Amino acid sequence: MTCAYSPSSRFVACGGLDNLCSIFAVPETGKEATKQKVHCELAQYEGYLSCCRFIDDSRIVTSSGDSSCILWNVEQRSPEIQFNDHTGDVMSVSIMKDSGLFVSGSCDSNSKLWDYRSKRACVMTFPGHESDINSVDFFPDGSAFATASDDSTCRLFDVRAYRQVQRYANEKILCGITSVAFSKSGKHLFAGYDDYNCYVWDTITGENTQQLSGHENRVSCLGVHPEGRALCTGSWDTLLKIWAV
């Protein structure tokens, strides 16, 4: 259900219906690829693993269908902090780089901001959606984050003002949204939909500027190249597509 590279690309983590976060060491460049043994397995959840995101090579944040998030010490294979304020499955997390903060989105229709440095409970809850939140992503400068929901809307929340500042919706688009990501500059917001399309929104104006069509089933995930040169979408049609953006 989820996978993520560590910032150094030395490790890759994945997880899903086995309730585990499995971490593998990535072979060095130039070495022959072989079946890799698990570097470590992180086990504590009572539900599926929905999302994982590294802070650095030694720490990772995960979310689960048991309504919790956990900050793990990878080397010790143990949880450092468990975050339990959600009342529904937690579907997605996003890390604000070098800040000590992360945001989560849940089936309780709320997104929450957390500070793992002080081991505090939730810093702030952001209501507004009318159905499950499936994906969250921080704006490139960390000042805001976007959410994607089954209520057919994406929303932009300002973490300093603690409020919603934009809503992305079209009365002709009446389906769930599975995934969301910003362009490198933050000018555009990419969102994957159950209607087989990826829509591009102007982050500031909230206008739909482009529709990327070509998949034959729901777009289940997407990601932007680190240098911003391309967008990749994944779909239930078993295909990955790369788009110049």
Protein backbone atom coordinates (compact mmCIF):
# COMPACT_ATOMS: atom_id res chain seq x y z
CA MET A 1 0.00 0.00 0.00
CA THR A 2 2.94 2.35 0.53
CA CYS A 3 6.66 2.76 -0.08
CA ALA A 4 9.24 5.50 0.45
CA TYR A 5 12.97 6.10 0.11
CA SER A 6 15.08 7.54 2.91
CA PRO A 7 16.63 10.98 2.18
CA SER A 8 20.02 9.38 1.43
CA SER A 9 18.39 6.69 -0.76
CA ARG A 10 20.22 4.05 1.30
CA PHE A 11 16.95 2.51 2.46
CA VAL A 12 13.47 1.89 1.11
CA ALA A 13 10.45 1.20 3.31
CA CYS A 14 7.16 -0.44 2.41
CA GLY A 15 4.07 -1.81 4.09
CA GLY A 16 0.46 -2.80 3.71
CA LEU A 17 -2.02 -5.42 4.83
CA ASP A 18 0.56 -7.34 6.88
CA ASN A 19 0.48 -4.46 9.45
CA LEU A 20 4.28 -4.16 9.20
CA CYS A 21 6.72 -1.53 7.98
CA SER A 22 9.52 -3.46 6.25
CA ILE A 23 12.78 -1.63 5.54
CA PHE A 24 15.34 -2.82 2.98
CA ALA A 25 18.89 -1.63 2.30
CA VAL A 26 19.27 -0.39 -1.28
CA PRO A 27 22.17 -2.06 -3.17
CA GLU A 28 25.05 0.21 -4.11
CA THR A 29 25.09 1.55 -7.66
CA GLY A 30 26.87 -0.81 -10.03
CA LYS A 31 26.30 -3.92 -7.97
CA GLU A 32 24.27 -6.74 -9.43
CA ALA A 33 20.68 -6.66 -8.23
CA THR A 34 19.76 -9.61 -6.02
CA LYS A 35 16.87 -10.47 -3.77
CA GLN A 36 17.34 -8.31 -0.70
CA LYS A 37 16.86 -9.48 2.86
CA VAL A 38 14.80 -7.29 5.17
CA HIS A 39 17.00 -4.82 7.05
CA CYS A 40 14.37 -4.54 9.79
CA GLU A 41 10.64 -4.92 10.41
CA LEU A 42 8.68 -2.47 12.55
CA ALA A 43 5.72 -4.16 14.20
CA GLN A 44 3.15 -2.75 16.61
CA TYR A 45 0.08 -1.83 14.61
CA GLU A 46 -3.29 -3.55 14.92
CA GLY A 47 -4.31 -2.45 11.43
CA TYR A 48 -2.89 -2.14 7.93
CA LEU A 49 0.04 0.18 7.22
CA SER A 50 -1.26 2.98 5.00
CA CYS A 51 1.73 5.31 4.65
CA CYS A 52 5.41 5.66 5.60
CA ARG A 53 7.74 8.66 5.31
CA PHE A 54 11.38 8.91 6.42
CA ILE A 55 12.61 11.86 8.47
CA ASP A 56 16.20 10.67 8.07
CA ASP A 57 17.91 7.29 7.77
CA SER A 58 17.33 6.51 11.45
CA ARG A 59 13.73 7.73 11.90
CA ILE A 60 10.49 7.11 10.05
CA VAL A 61 6.85 8.11 10.57
CA THR A 62 4.11 5.62 9.68
CA SER A 63 0.31 5.67 9.73
CA SER A 64 -2.21 2.87 10.08
CA GLY A 65 -5.78 1.72 9.80
CA ASP A 66 -5.82 1.41 13.59
CA SER A 67 -6.17 5.26 13.75
CA SER A 68 -2.62 5.93 14.94
CA CYS A 69 0.71 7.26 13.70
CA ILE A 70 4.09 6.18 15.07
CA LEU A 71 7.56 7.74 15.02
CA TRP A 72 10.08 4.87 14.93
CA ASN A 73 13.75 4.53 15.75
CA VAL A 74 14.84 2.38 12.82
CA GLU A 75 18.10 1.08 14.29
CA GLN A 76 16.49 0.13 17.60
CA ARG A 77 13.41 -1.20 15.77
CA SER A 78 11.19 0.43 18.36
CA PRO A 79 8.55 3.19 18.54
CA GLU A 80 9.62 6.52 20.04
CA ILE A 81 6.21 8.24 20.04
CA GLN A 82 2.70 7.06 19.20
CA PHE A 83 0.10 9.63 18.08
CA ASN A 84 -3.49 8.62 18.82
CA ASP A 85 -5.81 11.62 18.40
CA HIS A 86 -7.51 10.48 15.17
CA THR A 87 -10.82 8.61 15.40
CA GLY A 88 -10.63 6.91 11.99
CA ASP A 89 -8.11 5.15 9.77
CA VAL A 90 -5.08 7.37 9.14
CA MET A 91 -4.45 7.23 5.40
CA SER A 92 -1.49 9.53 4.78
CA VAL A 93 1.33 11.52 6.39
CA SER A 94 3.68 14.20 5.08
CA ILE A 95 6.88 15.46 6.73
CA MET A 96 7.82 19.14 6.89
CA LYS A 97 11.57 18.98 6.28
CA ASP A 98 13.87 20.15 9.11
CA SER A 99 10.96 21.38 11.23
CA GLY A 100 9.97 18.62 13.62
CA LEU A 101 6.43 18.72 12.23
CA PHE A 102 4.31 16.34 10.21
CA VAL A 103 0.70 16.33 9.05
CA SER A 104 -1.72 13.41 8.84
CA GLY A 105 -5.01 12.84 7.02
CA SER A 106 -7.70 10.44 8.21
CA CYS A 107 -11.04 8.82 7.49
CA ASP A 108 -12.41 10.93 10.36
CA SER A 109 -12.41 13.79 7.77
CA ASN A 110 -9.75 15.74 9.68
CA SER A 111 -6.11 16.51 9.09
CA LYS A 112 -3.83 17.06 12.08
CA LEU A 113 -0.51 18.80 12.62
CA TRP A 114 1.95 17.13 15.02
CA ASP A 115 5.24 18.20 16.65
CA TYR A 116 7.36 15.12 17.38
CA ARG A 117 10.20 17.14 19.00
CA SER A 118 8.23 18.00 22.13
CA LYS A 119 6.31 14.71 22.18
CA ARG A 120 3.14 16.78 22.36
CA ALA A 121 -0.26 15.58 21.35
CA CYS A 122 -1.84 17.14 18.28
CA VAL A 123 -0.74 20.75 17.70
CA MET A 124 -3.80 21.62 15.62
CA THR A 125 -6.78 19.92 13.98
CA PHE A 126 -7.95 21.15 10.57
CA PRO A 127 -11.62 20.35 9.84
CA GLY A 128 -13.46 21.12 6.62
CA HIS A 129 -13.76 17.94 4.58
CA GLU A 130 -17.01 16.00 4.45
CA SER A 131 -15.53 12.54 3.88
CA ASP A 132 -12.33 10.48 4.15
CA ILE A 133 -9.00 12.24 3.59
CA ASN A 134 -6.86 9.96 1.44
CA SER A 135 -3.70 12.01 0.93
CA VAL A 136 -1.78 14.97 2.36
CA ASP A 137 1.27 16.84 1.08
CA PHE A 138 3.23 19.82 2.41
CA PHE A 139 3.72 22.91 0.27
CA PRO A 140 7.42 23.13 -0.77
CA ASP A 141 8.27 25.85 1.78
CA GLY A 142 6.35 24.12 4.58
CA SER A 143 3.96 27.04 5.15
CA ALA A 144 0.87 25.08 4.12
CA PHE A 145 -0.34 21.63 3.14
CA ALA A 146 -2.87 20.15 0.74
CA THR A 147 -5.42 17.41 1.35
CA ALA A 148 -7.34 15.13 -1.03
CA SER A 149 -10.68 13.62 -0.06
CA ASP A 150 -13.51 11.33 -1.10
CA ASP A 151 -15.74 14.44 -0.96
CA SER A 152 -14.36 15.36 -4.44
CA THR A 153 -12.31 18.29 -3.15
CA CYS A 154 -8.71 19.15 -2.44
CA ARG A 155 -8.04 21.86 0.11
CA LEU A 156 -5.11 24.06 1.11
CA PHE A 157 -4.49 24.78 4.79
CA ASP A 158 -2.10 27.42 6.16
CA VAL A 159 -0.17 26.04 9.15
CA ARG A 160 0.61 29.51 10.55
CA ALA A 161 -2.92 30.89 10.27
CA TYR A 162 -4.40 27.49 11.26
CA ARG A 163 -7.13 27.71 8.64
CA GLN A 164 -8.22 26.69 5.16
CA VAL A 165 -7.11 29.17 2.50
CA GLN A 166 -8.20 27.49 -0.76
CA ARG A 167 -10.58 24.83 -2.06
CA TYR A 168 -10.08 22.94 -5.34
CA ALA A 169 -13.27 21.55 -6.84
CA ASN A 170 -15.37 21.46 -9.99
CA GLU A 171 -19.10 20.74 -10.06
CA LYS A 172 -18.51 18.35 -12.98
CA ILE A 173 -15.97 16.26 -11.03
CA LEU A 174 -17.95 14.10 -8.62
CA CYS A 175 -15.61 11.33 -7.51
CA GLY A 176 -13.06 10.61 -4.84
CA ILE A 177 -9.48 11.86 -4.90
CA THR A 178 -6.78 9.34 -4.04
CA SER A 179 -3.54 11.31 -4.10
CA VAL A 180 -2.09 14.80 -4.15
CA ALA A 181 1.32 16.44 -4.69
CA PHE A 182 2.70 19.91 -5.35
CA SER A 183 4.95 20.93 -8.21
CA LYS A 184 8.48 21.84 -7.11
CA SER A 185 7.69 25.56 -7.24
CA GLY A 186 4.33 25.10 -5.54
CA LYS A 187 2.55 26.83 -8.42
CA HIS A 188 0.54 23.73 -9.31
CA LEU A 189 -1.25 21.06 -7.33
CA PHE A 190 -1.56 17.62 -8.95
CA ALA A 191 -4.39 15.32 -7.87
CA GLY A 192 -5.29 11.75 -8.87
CA TYR A 193 -8.99 10.91 -9.18
CA ASP A 194 -11.25 7.87 -9.27
CA ASP A 195 -12.50 8.97 -12.73
CA TYR A 196 -9.16 7.78 -14.25
CA ASN A 197 -7.76 11.32 -14.61
CA CYS A 198 -5.14 13.50 -13.00
CA TYR A 199 -6.19 17.13 -12.68
CA VAL A 200 -3.82 20.08 -12.34
CA TRP A 201 -4.91 23.02 -10.19
CA ASP A 202 -3.47 26.52 -9.88
CA THR A 203 -2.50 26.63 -6.21
CA ILE A 204 -3.25 30.34 -5.76
CA THR A 205 -6.40 30.86 -7.85
CA GLY A 206 -7.92 27.41 -7.35
CA GLU A 207 -8.60 27.07 -11.08
CA ASN A 208 -8.34 23.74 -12.91
CA THR A 209 -5.64 24.38 -15.53
CA GLN A 210 -5.15 20.94 -17.09
CA GLN A 211 -6.58 17.42 -17.29
CA LEU A 212 -4.15 14.54 -17.79
CA SER A 213 -6.07 11.65 -19.36
CA GLY A 214 -4.87 8.26 -20.52
CA HIS A 215 -5.37 5.76 -17.72
CA GLU A 216 -8.14 3.17 -18.00
CA ASN A 217 -8.84 2.85 -14.28
CA ARG A 218 -8.61 5.00 -11.16
CA VAL A 219 -5.39 6.93 -10.57
CA SER A 220 -4.23 5.53 -7.24
CA CYS A 221 -0.96 7.39 -6.65
CA LEU A 222 1.31 10.06 -8.08
CA GLY A 223 4.69 11.65 -7.47
CA VAL A 224 6.74 14.59 -8.72
CA HIS A 225 10.38 14.26 -9.79
CA PRO A 226 12.69 15.83 -7.14
CA GLU A 227 13.88 18.39 -9.68
CA GLY A 228 10.32 19.07 -10.83
CA ARG A 229 10.86 17.88 -14.40
CA ALA A 230 8.11 15.27 -14.58
CA LEU A 231 5.05 13.79 -12.91
CA CYS A 232 4.43 10.05 -12.56
CA THR A 233 0.95 8.60 -12.07
CA GLY A 234 0.07 5.05 -11.05
CA SER A 235 -3.27 3.42 -11.76
CA TRP A 236 -5.37 0.34 -11.17
CA ASP A 237 -4.95 -0.27 -14.91
CA THR A 238 -1.49 -1.65 -13.88
CA LEU A 239 0.37 1.15 -15.67
CA LEU A 240 2.68 3.96 -14.64
CA LYS A 241 2.63 7.04 -16.87
CA ILE A 242 5.21 9.84 -16.91
CA TRP A 243 4.09 13.33 -17.86
CA ALA A 244 6.16 16.38 -18.74
CA VAL A 245 4.94 19.20 -16.51
